[in-house]
């Protein structure tokens, strides 16, 4: 059995803070199928993640940013 959209939908429901963006007409190369949509989705994702200071030596998992700009730690 392959990985399908229903698996993505299930994961998006079950992972706290997750969101699901489906590229219109997207296939195996969704970044090429709709580059603007893909770029906007990646930009949105990166804005939600707090990577911490650039010189941080802590290699732990990035924190999930909250809607108010704080983090959930």
N, C-alpha and C. Protein backbone atom coordinates (compact mmCIF):
# COMPACT_ATOMS: atom_id res chain seq x y z
N UNK A 1 0.85 -1.18 0.00
CA UNK A 1 0.00 0.00 0.00
C UNK A 1 0.89 1.24 0.00
N UNK A 2 0.60 2.17 -0.86
CA UNK A 2 1.36 3.40 -0.95
C UNK A 2 0.85 4.46 0.01
N UNK A 3 1.54 5.55 0.05
CA UNK A 3 1.17 6.70 0.90
C UNK A 3 0.19 7.54 0.10
N UNK A 4 -0.97 7.82 0.66
CA UNK A 4 -2.00 8.55 -0.09
C UNK A 4 -2.44 9.81 0.67
N UNK A 5 -3.27 10.58 0.01
CA UNK A 5 -3.78 11.82 0.62
C UNK A 5 -4.50 11.53 1.92
N UNK A 6 -5.22 10.40 2.01
CA UNK A 6 -5.94 10.12 3.26
C UNK A 6 -4.97 9.93 4.42
N UNK A 7 -3.76 9.41 4.14
CA UNK A 7 -2.75 9.30 5.20
C UNK A 7 -2.32 10.69 5.66
N UNK A 8 -2.14 11.60 4.71
CA UNK A 8 -1.75 12.97 5.03
C UNK A 8 -2.83 13.64 5.88
N UNK A 9 -4.08 13.45 5.51
CA UNK A 9 -5.19 14.05 6.24
C UNK A 9 -5.24 13.51 7.67
N UNK A 10 -5.02 12.22 7.83
CA UNK A 10 -5.01 11.59 9.16
C UNK A 10 -3.87 12.15 10.00
N UNK A 11 -2.69 12.24 9.42
CA UNK A 11 -1.54 12.79 10.14
C UNK A 11 -1.78 14.24 10.54
N UNK A 12 -2.34 15.02 9.64
CA UNK A 12 -2.62 16.43 9.94
C UNK A 12 -3.60 16.57 11.11
N UNK A 13 -4.56 15.65 11.20
CA UNK A 13 -5.52 15.68 12.31
C UNK A 13 -4.87 15.27 13.63
N UNK A 14 -3.93 14.34 13.57
CA UNK A 14 -3.39 13.74 14.79
C UNK A 14 -2.12 14.40 15.33
N UNK A 15 -1.42 15.18 14.52
CA UNK A 15 -0.19 15.83 14.97
C UNK A 15 -0.53 17.24 15.45
N UNK A 16 -0.30 17.52 16.73
CA UNK A 16 -0.60 18.85 17.26
C UNK A 16 0.13 19.95 16.48
N UNK A 17 -0.60 20.98 16.10
CA UNK A 17 -0.01 22.11 15.38
C UNK A 17 0.22 21.88 13.90
N UNK A 18 -0.12 20.69 13.41
CA UNK A 18 0.11 20.39 11.99
C UNK A 18 -0.93 21.07 11.12
N UNK A 19 -0.55 21.34 9.89
CA UNK A 19 -1.49 21.82 8.89
C UNK A 19 -1.21 21.08 7.59
N UNK A 20 -2.19 21.02 6.74
CA UNK A 20 -2.05 20.30 5.48
C UNK A 20 -2.36 21.25 4.34
N UNK A 21 -1.44 21.37 3.41
CA UNK A 21 -1.64 22.17 2.20
C UNK A 21 -1.51 21.21 1.03
N UNK A 22 -2.51 21.15 0.18
CA UNK A 22 -2.49 20.28 -1.00
C UNK A 22 -2.24 21.14 -2.23
N UNK A 23 -1.17 20.83 -2.94
CA UNK A 23 -0.82 21.59 -4.13
C UNK A 23 -1.82 21.28 -5.24
N UNK A 24 -2.56 22.29 -5.73
CA UNK A 24 -3.52 22.05 -6.80
C UNK A 24 -2.82 21.45 -8.03
N UNK A 25 -3.29 20.31 -8.46
CA UNK A 25 -2.72 19.64 -9.62
C UNK A 25 -1.33 19.06 -9.36
N UNK A 26 -0.94 19.01 -8.09
CA UNK A 26 0.40 18.54 -7.73
C UNK A 26 0.55 17.04 -7.89
N UNK A 27 1.76 16.65 -8.21
CA UNK A 27 2.10 15.23 -8.32
C UNK A 27 3.37 14.97 -7.56
N UNK A 28 4.26 14.22 -8.18
CA UNK A 28 5.52 13.87 -7.52
C UNK A 28 6.51 15.03 -7.47
N UNK A 29 6.32 16.04 -8.28
CA UNK A 29 7.20 17.21 -8.29
C UNK A 29 6.37 18.46 -8.02
N UNK A 30 5.73 18.48 -6.85
CA UNK A 30 4.79 19.56 -6.54
C UNK A 30 5.45 20.93 -6.56
N UNK A 31 6.73 21.00 -6.27
CA UNK A 31 7.41 22.29 -6.34
C UNK A 31 7.50 22.81 -7.77
N UNK A 32 7.43 21.92 -8.75
CA UNK A 32 7.45 22.31 -10.16
C UNK A 32 6.03 22.45 -10.72
N UNK A 33 5.08 21.68 -10.17
CA UNK A 33 3.70 21.72 -10.65
C UNK A 33 3.05 23.08 -10.38
N UNK A 34 3.32 23.67 -9.22
CA UNK A 34 2.77 24.98 -8.87
C UNK A 34 3.78 25.68 -7.96
N UNK A 35 4.84 26.25 -8.56
CA UNK A 35 5.93 26.83 -7.77
C UNK A 35 5.49 27.93 -6.80
N UNK A 36 4.54 28.75 -7.19
CA UNK A 36 4.10 29.85 -6.32
C UNK A 36 3.39 29.30 -5.08
N UNK A 37 2.48 28.35 -5.27
CA UNK A 37 1.76 27.74 -4.14
C UNK A 37 2.76 27.06 -3.21
N UNK A 38 3.68 26.30 -3.81
CA UNK A 38 4.68 25.57 -3.03
C UNK A 38 5.54 26.54 -2.22
N UNK A 39 6.02 27.59 -2.86
CA UNK A 39 6.86 28.58 -2.19
C UNK A 39 6.11 29.26 -1.04
N UNK A 40 4.85 29.61 -1.27
CA UNK A 40 4.04 30.23 -0.22
C UNK A 40 3.86 29.28 0.97
N UNK A 41 3.63 27.99 0.69
CA UNK A 41 3.44 27.00 1.76
C UNK A 41 4.72 26.82 2.57
N UNK A 42 5.87 26.76 1.90
CA UNK A 42 7.15 26.61 2.60
C UNK A 42 7.44 27.86 3.42
N UNK A 43 7.18 29.04 2.86
CA UNK A 43 7.40 30.29 3.59
C UNK A 43 6.53 30.33 4.84
N UNK A 44 5.27 29.92 4.71
CA UNK A 44 4.36 29.89 5.86
C UNK A 44 4.90 28.93 6.94
N UNK A 45 5.36 27.77 6.53
CA UNK A 45 5.92 26.79 7.47
C UNK A 45 7.13 27.38 8.21
N UNK A 46 8.04 27.97 7.48
CA UNK A 46 9.25 28.51 8.09
C UNK A 46 8.95 29.66 9.04
N UNK A 47 7.88 30.41 8.77
CA UNK A 47 7.49 31.49 9.66
C UNK A 47 6.90 30.97 10.97
N UNK A 48 6.39 29.74 10.96
CA UNK A 48 5.78 29.15 12.15
C UNK A 48 6.80 28.49 13.07
N UNK A 49 8.00 28.22 12.58
CA UNK A 49 9.00 27.49 13.36
C UNK A 49 10.00 28.45 13.97
N UNK A 50 10.27 28.27 15.26
CA UNK A 50 11.28 29.07 15.95
C UNK A 50 12.58 28.27 15.94
N UNK A 51 13.53 28.71 15.12
CA UNK A 51 14.79 28.00 15.01
C UNK A 51 15.79 28.43 16.08
N UNK A 52 15.45 29.43 16.88
CA UNK A 52 16.35 29.90 17.92
C UNK A 52 17.46 30.75 17.35
N UNK A 53 18.41 31.15 18.21
CA UNK A 53 19.53 31.98 17.75
C UNK A 53 20.38 31.25 16.72
N UNK A 54 20.93 32.02 15.78
CA UNK A 54 21.75 31.44 14.72
C UNK A 54 22.99 30.76 15.26
N UNK A 55 23.49 31.19 16.41
CA UNK A 55 24.72 30.62 16.96
C UNK A 55 24.45 29.56 18.03
N UNK A 56 23.20 29.12 18.14
CA UNK A 56 22.84 28.12 19.16
C UNK A 56 23.57 26.81 18.90
N UNK A 57 24.04 26.19 19.97
CA UNK A 57 24.71 24.90 19.85
C UNK A 57 23.78 23.76 20.21
N UNK A 58 22.58 24.09 20.68
CA UNK A 58 21.59 23.08 21.03
C UNK A 58 21.02 22.47 19.76
N UNK A 59 21.15 21.17 19.59
CA UNK A 59 20.66 20.51 18.38
C UNK A 59 19.30 19.86 18.59
N UNK A 60 18.57 20.30 19.61
CA UNK A 60 17.25 19.72 19.86
C UNK A 60 16.26 20.15 18.78
N UNK A 61 15.10 19.57 18.81
CA UNK A 61 14.06 19.85 17.83
C UNK A 61 13.62 21.30 17.92
N UNK A 62 13.41 21.98 16.76
CA UNK A 62 12.93 23.37 16.78
C UNK A 62 11.60 23.47 17.51
N UNK A 63 11.34 24.61 18.15
CA UNK A 63 10.10 24.83 18.87
C UNK A 63 9.01 25.27 17.91
N UNK A 64 7.78 24.90 18.22
CA UNK A 64 6.62 25.32 17.42
C UNK A 64 6.21 26.71 17.86
N UNK A 65 6.18 27.66 16.95
CA UNK A 65 5.76 29.02 17.26
C UNK A 65 4.25 29.04 17.47
N UNK A 66 3.79 29.90 18.37
CA UNK A 66 2.36 30.06 18.60
C UNK A 66 1.84 31.24 17.79
N UNK A 67 0.54 31.39 17.75
CA UNK A 67 -0.06 32.46 16.95
C UNK A 67 0.36 33.84 17.44
N UNK A 68 0.69 33.97 18.73
CA UNK A 68 1.09 35.28 19.24
C UNK A 68 2.58 35.55 19.11
N UNK A 69 3.30 34.66 18.43
CA UNK A 69 4.71 34.86 18.20
C UNK A 69 5.60 34.23 19.25
N UNK A 70 5.02 33.70 20.33
CA UNK A 70 5.79 33.03 21.35
C UNK A 70 6.11 31.60 20.94
N UNK A 71 6.55 30.80 21.87
CA UNK A 71 6.76 29.39 21.55
C UNK A 71 6.06 28.52 22.59
N UNK A 72 5.93 27.25 22.29
CA UNK A 72 5.18 26.33 23.14
C UNK A 72 6.08 25.56 24.08
N UNK A 73 7.22 26.07 24.46
CA UNK A 73 8.10 25.33 25.38
C UNK A 73 7.76 25.63 26.81
